[in-house]
Amino acid sequence: MFFSWRYTKIIFVVALFFSRFSFAAVSADDGKAYALAKQNACLGCHAMNKKIVGPSFQSVAQKYKSDSNAQTFLKAKVVKGGAGSWGVVPMPANAKLSDAELSLLVSWILRGAPSEN
């Protein structure tokens, strides 16, 4: 009994240690994505959990949660802008973002835009 409990505790501590690193990385990416959304005026039309002009980021995440092409589709939507997916009000194009910034921003949106802000 002592032998197995000791190893169980060690495994638990190691797992906890590594999970803190992955949460910290996600949290840092969340902060970067939030800053990108703020810098590029996304927050003027979108909020985390309520409709402003465009849908909330959580609504977007919910709509595309089972779509395997969502990342690619939304990256193109952000770059090109457009209307029709959520109504008649067009979303302006945001072509100045790099591919890495687009990927970060869209993956954050698809996770429901988690943020401490």
N, C-alpha and C. Protein backbone atom coordinates (compact mmCIF):
# COMPACT_ATOMS: atom_id res chain seq x y z
N MET A 1 0.83 -1.19 0.00
CA MET A 1 0.00 0.00 0.00
C MET A 1 0.87 1.26 0.00
N PHE A 2 1.91 1.28 0.85
CA PHE A 2 2.80 2.43 0.92
C PHE A 2 3.52 2.66 -0.41
N PHE A 3 3.96 1.58 -1.01
CA PHE A 3 4.70 1.66 -2.26
C PHE A 3 3.85 2.32 -3.36
N SER A 4 2.63 1.89 -3.56
CA SER A 4 1.80 2.43 -4.63
C SER A 4 1.34 3.85 -4.33
N TRP A 5 1.08 4.17 -3.06
CA TRP A 5 0.66 5.53 -2.71
C TRP A 5 1.79 6.54 -2.97
N ARG A 6 3.01 6.13 -2.67
CA ARG A 6 4.15 7.01 -2.89
C ARG A 6 4.30 7.36 -4.38
N TYR A 7 4.20 6.36 -5.23
CA TYR A 7 4.32 6.61 -6.67
C TYR A 7 3.12 7.37 -7.21
N THR A 8 1.98 7.16 -6.66
CA THR A 8 0.79 7.91 -7.07
C THR A 8 0.98 9.39 -6.76
N LYS A 9 1.52 9.69 -5.58
CA LYS A 9 1.78 11.08 -5.22
C LYS A 9 2.81 11.71 -6.15
N ILE A 10 3.84 10.98 -6.48
CA ILE A 10 4.89 11.51 -7.37
C ILE A 10 4.31 11.80 -8.75
N ILE A 11 3.54 10.87 -9.27
CA ILE A 11 2.92 11.07 -10.58
C ILE A 11 1.98 12.28 -10.55
N PHE A 12 1.22 12.41 -9.50
CA PHE A 12 0.31 13.55 -9.36
C PHE A 12 1.07 14.87 -9.34
N VAL A 13 2.15 14.93 -8.57
CA VAL A 13 2.94 16.15 -8.47
C VAL A 13 3.57 16.50 -9.82
N VAL A 14 4.10 15.52 -10.52
CA VAL A 14 4.70 15.77 -11.83
C VAL A 14 3.64 16.25 -12.82
N ALA A 15 2.48 15.61 -12.82
CA ALA A 15 1.39 16.03 -13.72
C ALA A 15 0.94 17.45 -13.40
N LEU A 16 0.83 17.77 -12.14
CA LEU A 16 0.44 19.12 -11.73
C LEU A 16 1.49 20.14 -12.17
N PHE A 17 2.74 19.78 -12.02
CA PHE A 17 3.84 20.67 -12.42
C PHE A 17 3.75 21.00 -13.91
N PHE A 18 3.59 19.98 -14.76
CA PHE A 18 3.54 20.22 -16.20
C PHE A 18 2.25 20.90 -16.63
N SER A 19 1.15 20.66 -15.96
CA SER A 19 -0.10 21.31 -16.33
C SER A 19 -0.04 22.81 -16.07
N ARG A 20 0.71 23.24 -15.07
CA ARG A 20 0.86 24.67 -14.79
C ARG A 20 1.56 25.37 -15.94
N PHE A 21 2.53 24.70 -16.57
CA PHE A 21 3.22 25.29 -17.71
C PHE A 21 2.29 25.45 -18.90
N SER A 22 1.46 24.45 -19.18
CA SER A 22 0.57 24.56 -20.33
C SER A 22 -0.51 25.60 -20.08
N PHE A 23 -1.01 25.74 -18.85
CA PHE A 23 -1.99 26.78 -18.56
C PHE A 23 -1.35 28.16 -18.68
N ALA A 24 -0.11 28.29 -18.27
CA ALA A 24 0.57 29.58 -18.37
C ALA A 24 0.76 29.97 -19.83
N ALA A 25 1.09 29.00 -20.69
CA ALA A 25 1.27 29.28 -22.11
C ALA A 25 -0.05 29.70 -22.74
N VAL A 26 -1.13 29.00 -22.41
CA VAL A 26 -2.44 29.35 -22.94
C VAL A 26 -2.84 30.74 -22.45
N SER A 27 -2.60 31.02 -21.20
CA SER A 27 -2.95 32.32 -20.65
C SER A 27 -2.16 33.44 -21.33
N ALA A 28 -0.89 33.21 -21.59
CA ALA A 28 -0.07 34.22 -22.28
C ALA A 28 -0.59 34.44 -23.69
N ASP A 29 -0.94 33.35 -24.39
CA ASP A 29 -1.52 33.48 -25.73
C ASP A 29 -2.86 34.20 -25.69
N ASP A 30 -3.65 33.93 -24.66
CA ASP A 30 -4.93 34.62 -24.51
C ASP A 30 -4.73 36.12 -24.37
N GLY A 31 -3.73 36.50 -23.60
CA GLY A 31 -3.43 37.92 -23.42
C GLY A 31 -2.98 38.56 -24.72
N LYS A 32 -2.14 37.84 -25.48
CA LYS A 32 -1.69 38.36 -26.77
C LYS A 32 -2.85 38.49 -27.75
N ALA A 33 -3.72 37.49 -27.77
CA ALA A 33 -4.87 37.53 -28.68
C ALA A 33 -5.82 38.66 -28.30
N TYR A 34 -6.06 38.84 -27.01
CA TYR A 34 -6.91 39.94 -26.56
C TYR A 34 -6.32 41.28 -26.99
N ALA A 35 -5.01 41.43 -26.83
CA ALA A 35 -4.34 42.67 -27.24
C ALA A 35 -4.47 42.89 -28.75
N LEU A 36 -4.35 41.83 -29.54
CA LEU A 36 -4.54 41.94 -30.99
C LEU A 36 -5.96 42.38 -31.32
N ALA A 37 -6.93 41.78 -30.64
CA ALA A 37 -8.33 42.15 -30.88
C ALA A 37 -8.57 43.61 -30.53
N LYS A 38 -7.95 44.05 -29.46
CA LYS A 38 -8.11 45.44 -29.04
C LYS A 38 -7.41 46.40 -30.00
N GLN A 39 -6.20 46.08 -30.41
CA GLN A 39 -5.41 46.93 -31.31
C GLN A 39 -6.04 47.05 -32.69
N ASN A 40 -6.75 46.02 -33.11
CA ASN A 40 -7.31 46.00 -34.47
C ASN A 40 -8.80 46.30 -34.50
N ALA A 41 -9.30 46.90 -33.43
CA ALA A 41 -10.69 47.39 -33.33
C ALA A 41 -11.75 46.29 -33.38
N CYS A 42 -11.37 45.05 -33.14
CA CYS A 42 -12.36 43.97 -33.11
C CYS A 42 -13.37 44.20 -31.98
N LEU A 43 -12.87 44.75 -30.87
CA LEU A 43 -13.72 44.92 -29.69
C LEU A 43 -14.72 46.07 -29.84
N GLY A 44 -14.61 46.83 -30.92
CA GLY A 44 -15.61 47.85 -31.21
C GLY A 44 -16.93 47.25 -31.66
N CYS A 45 -16.86 46.06 -32.25
CA CYS A 45 -18.07 45.40 -32.76
C CYS A 45 -18.38 44.07 -32.08
N HIS A 46 -17.36 43.46 -31.46
CA HIS A 46 -17.53 42.15 -30.82
C HIS A 46 -17.18 42.24 -29.34
N ALA A 47 -17.94 41.55 -28.52
CA ALA A 47 -17.64 41.41 -27.10
C ALA A 47 -17.42 39.93 -26.82
N MET A 48 -16.96 39.62 -25.63
CA MET A 48 -16.73 38.22 -25.28
C MET A 48 -18.03 37.43 -25.25
N ASN A 49 -19.05 37.99 -24.58
CA ASN A 49 -20.25 37.20 -24.32
C ASN A 49 -21.57 37.89 -24.67
N LYS A 50 -21.52 38.97 -25.46
CA LYS A 50 -22.78 39.61 -25.87
C LYS A 50 -22.61 40.24 -27.25
N LYS A 51 -23.71 40.30 -27.96
CA LYS A 51 -23.72 40.91 -29.30
C LYS A 51 -23.61 42.42 -29.16
N ILE A 52 -22.75 43.03 -29.96
CA ILE A 52 -22.69 44.48 -30.05
C ILE A 52 -23.20 44.81 -31.46
N VAL A 53 -22.31 44.96 -32.41
CA VAL A 53 -22.69 45.07 -33.82
C VAL A 53 -22.60 43.69 -34.44
N GLY A 54 -21.50 43.02 -34.15
CA GLY A 54 -21.30 41.64 -34.61
C GLY A 54 -21.57 40.68 -33.46
N PRO A 55 -21.50 39.41 -33.74
CA PRO A 55 -21.77 38.40 -32.70
C PRO A 55 -20.68 38.40 -31.62
N SER A 56 -21.02 37.87 -30.47
CA SER A 56 -20.00 37.71 -29.43
C SER A 56 -19.00 36.65 -29.87
N PHE A 57 -17.81 36.72 -29.32
CA PHE A 57 -16.81 35.71 -29.63
C PHE A 57 -17.28 34.33 -29.17
N GLN A 58 -18.00 34.28 -28.06
CA GLN A 58 -18.51 32.99 -27.57
C GLN A 58 -19.55 32.42 -28.52
N SER A 59 -20.37 33.27 -29.14
CA SER A 59 -21.34 32.80 -30.14
C SER A 59 -20.64 32.25 -31.36
N VAL A 60 -19.56 32.89 -31.78
CA VAL A 60 -18.78 32.40 -32.92
C VAL A 60 -18.19 31.03 -32.58
N ALA A 61 -17.63 30.91 -31.39
CA ALA A 61 -17.05 29.63 -30.96
C ALA A 61 -18.12 28.54 -30.94
N GLN A 62 -19.30 28.86 -30.46
CA GLN A 62 -20.39 27.89 -30.39
C GLN A 62 -20.83 27.46 -31.79
N LYS A 63 -20.96 28.42 -32.69
CA LYS A 63 -21.41 28.13 -34.05
C LYS A 63 -20.45 27.21 -34.79
N TYR A 64 -19.15 27.41 -34.59
CA TYR A 64 -18.14 26.68 -35.36
C TYR A 64 -17.46 25.55 -34.58
N LYS A 65 -17.99 25.20 -33.41
CA LYS A 65 -17.29 24.23 -32.57
C LYS A 65 -17.12 22.85 -33.21
N SER A 66 -18.01 22.45 -34.09
CA SER A 66 -17.87 21.13 -34.71
C SER A 66 -17.45 21.23 -36.18
N ASP A 67 -17.03 22.40 -36.62
CA ASP A 67 -16.60 22.60 -38.00
C ASP A 67 -15.08 22.45 -38.09
N SER A 68 -14.64 21.42 -38.77
CA SER A 68 -13.20 21.17 -38.87
C SER A 68 -12.48 22.21 -39.73
N ASN A 69 -13.20 22.95 -40.54
CA ASN A 69 -12.60 23.98 -41.39
C ASN A 69 -12.74 25.38 -40.81
N ALA A 70 -13.19 25.47 -39.57
CA ALA A 70 -13.48 26.77 -38.97
C ALA A 70 -12.26 27.69 -38.92
N GLN A 71 -11.10 27.16 -38.56
CA GLN A 71 -9.89 27.98 -38.45
C GLN A 71 -9.59 28.65 -39.80
N THR A 72 -9.58 27.87 -40.85
CA THR A 72 -9.28 28.39 -42.19
C THR A 72 -10.36 29.37 -42.64
N PHE A 73 -11.62 29.01 -42.44
CA PHE A 73 -12.74 29.87 -42.86
C PHE A 73 -12.70 31.21 -42.14
N LEU A 74 -12.50 31.19 -40.83
CA LEU A 74 -12.52 32.44 -40.07
C LEU A 74 -11.29 33.30 -40.32
N LYS A 75 -10.15 32.67 -40.57
CA LYS A 75 -8.98 33.46 -40.93
C LYS A 75 -9.26 34.23 -42.22
N ALA A 76 -9.85 33.58 -43.21
CA ALA A 76 -10.18 34.25 -44.47
C ALA A 76 -11.23 35.34 -44.24
N LYS A 77 -12.19 35.07 -43.36
CA LYS A 77 -13.24 36.04 -43.07
C LYS A 77 -12.65 37.29 -42.41
N VAL A 78 -11.71 37.12 -41.51
CA VAL A 78 -11.08 38.27 -40.86
C VAL A 78 -10.28 39.08 -41.88
N VAL A 79 -9.53 38.41 -42.74
CA VAL A 79 -8.70 39.11 -43.73
C VAL A 79 -9.55 39.84 -44.77
N LYS A 80 -10.57 39.16 -45.29
CA LYS A 80 -11.37 39.72 -46.38
C LYS A 80 -12.57 40.53 -45.92
N GLY A 81 -13.03 40.27 -44.69
CA GLY A 81 -14.25 40.92 -44.23
C GLY A 81 -15.46 40.31 -44.93
N GLY A 82 -16.58 41.01 -44.88
CA GLY A 82 -17.76 40.53 -45.59
C GLY A 82 -19.00 40.56 -44.72
N ALA A 83 -20.10 40.11 -45.28
CA ALA A 83 -21.38 40.07 -44.58
C ALA A 83 -22.11 38.79 -44.96
N GLY A 84 -23.15 38.51 -44.22
CA GLY A 84 -23.98 37.37 -44.56
C GLY A 84 -23.96 36.23 -43.56
N SER A 85 -22.86 36.03 -42.88
CA SER A 85 -22.79 34.93 -41.92
C SER A 85 -23.61 35.21 -40.67
N TRP A 86 -23.70 36.48 -40.28
CA TRP A 86 -24.39 36.86 -39.04
C TRP A 86 -25.40 37.98 -39.26
N GLY A 87 -25.71 38.27 -40.49
CA GLY A 87 -26.65 39.35 -40.78
C GLY A 87 -26.14 40.23 -41.90
N VAL A 88 -26.74 41.39 -42.04
CA VAL A 88 -26.41 42.25 -43.18
C VAL A 88 -25.30 43.24 -42.91
N VAL A 89 -24.95 43.49 -41.66
CA VAL A 89 -23.90 44.45 -41.34
C VAL A 89 -22.55 43.85 -41.71
N PRO A 90 -21.82 44.50 -42.61
CA PRO A 90 -20.53 43.93 -43.05
C PRO A 90 -19.43 44.10 -42.00
N MET A 91 -18.54 43.12 -41.96
CA MET A 91 -17.35 43.22 -41.14
C MET A 91 -16.24 43.74 -42.04
N PRO A 92 -15.53 44.79 -41.62
CA PRO A 92 -14.45 45.31 -42.47
C PRO A 92 -13.28 44.33 -42.56
N ALA A 93 -12.56 44.41 -43.65
CA ALA A 93 -11.38 43.57 -43.85
C ALA A 93 -10.28 43.98 -42.87
N ASN A 94 -9.45 43.01 -42.51
CA ASN A 94 -8.34 43.25 -41.61
C ASN A 94 -7.09 42.60 -42.20
N ALA A 95 -6.69 43.08 -43.36
CA ALA A 95 -5.61 42.46 -44.13
C ALA A 95 -4.21 42.70 -43.60
N LYS A 96 -4.05 43.58 -42.63
CA LYS A 96 -2.70 43.89 -42.16
C LYS A 96 -2.15 42.89 -41.14
N LEU A 97 -2.96 41.96 -40.67
CA LEU A 97 -2.49 40.96 -39.71
C LEU A 97 -1.63 39.91 -40.40
N SER A 98 -0.56 39.49 -39.73
CA SER A 98 0.27 38.40 -40.26
C SER A 98 -0.48 37.08 -40.09
N ASP A 99 0.01 36.04 -40.76
CA ASP A 99 -0.63 34.73 -40.64
C ASP A 99 -0.55 34.22 -39.20
N ALA A 100 0.57 34.46 -38.53
CA ALA A 100 0.72 34.02 -37.13
C ALA A 100 -0.27 34.76 -36.23
N GLU A 101 -0.44 36.06 -36.46
CA GLU A 101 -1.41 36.83 -35.67
C GLU A 101 -2.83 36.35 -35.94
N LEU A 102 -3.14 36.09 -37.21
CA LEU A 102 -4.47 35.56 -37.56
C LEU A 102 -4.74 34.23 -36.87
N SER A 103 -3.76 33.35 -36.91
CA SER A 103 -3.92 32.03 -36.28
C SER A 103 -4.15 32.17 -34.78
N LEU A 104 -3.37 33.03 -34.14
CA LEU A 104 -3.53 33.26 -32.71
C LEU A 104 -4.91 33.82 -32.38
N LEU A 105 -5.32 34.84 -33.13
CA LEU A 105 -6.60 35.49 -32.90
C LEU A 105 -7.77 34.55 -33.13
N VAL A 106 -7.76 33.84 -34.24
CA VAL A 106 -8.87 32.95 -34.58
C VAL A 106 -8.94 31.76 -33.63
N SER A 107 -7.81 31.20 -33.25
CA SER A 107 -7.88 30.07 -32.30
C SER A 107 -8.40 30.55 -30.95
N TRP A 108 -8.07 31.75 -30.54
CA TRP A 108 -8.61 32.34 -29.31
C TRP A 108 -10.12 32.52 -29.41
N ILE A 109 -10.58 33.03 -30.54
CA ILE A 109 -12.03 33.20 -30.74
C ILE A 109 -12.73 31.86 -30.70
N LEU A 110 -12.15 30.86 -31.35
CA LEU A 110 -12.77 29.53 -31.39
C LEU A 110 -12.78 28.85 -30.03
N ARG A 111 -11.96 29.31 -29.10
CA ARG A 111 -12.01 28.80 -27.72
C ARG A 111 -12.95 29.63 -26.86
N GLY A 112 -13.66 30.59 -27.47
CA GLY A 112 -14.62 31.40 -26.73
C GLY A 112 -14.01 32.66 -26.17
N ALA A 113 -12.83 33.04 -26.66
CA ALA A 113 -12.14 34.27 -26.24
C ALA A 113 -11.95 34.37 -24.74
N PRO A 114 -11.31 33.35 -24.14
CA PRO A 114 -11.08 33.42 -22.69
C PRO A 114 -10.15 34.59 -22.37
N SER A 115 -10.49 35.33 -21.34
CA SER A 115 -9.69 36.50 -20.98
C SER A 115 -9.97 36.90 -19.55
N GLU A 116 -8.96 37.40 -18.89
CA GLU A 116 -9.13 37.94 -17.54
C GLU A 116 -9.48 39.41 -17.59
N ASN A 117 -9.44 39.99 -18.79
CA ASN A 117 -9.71 41.43 -18.96
C ASN A 117 -11.19 41.70 -19.01
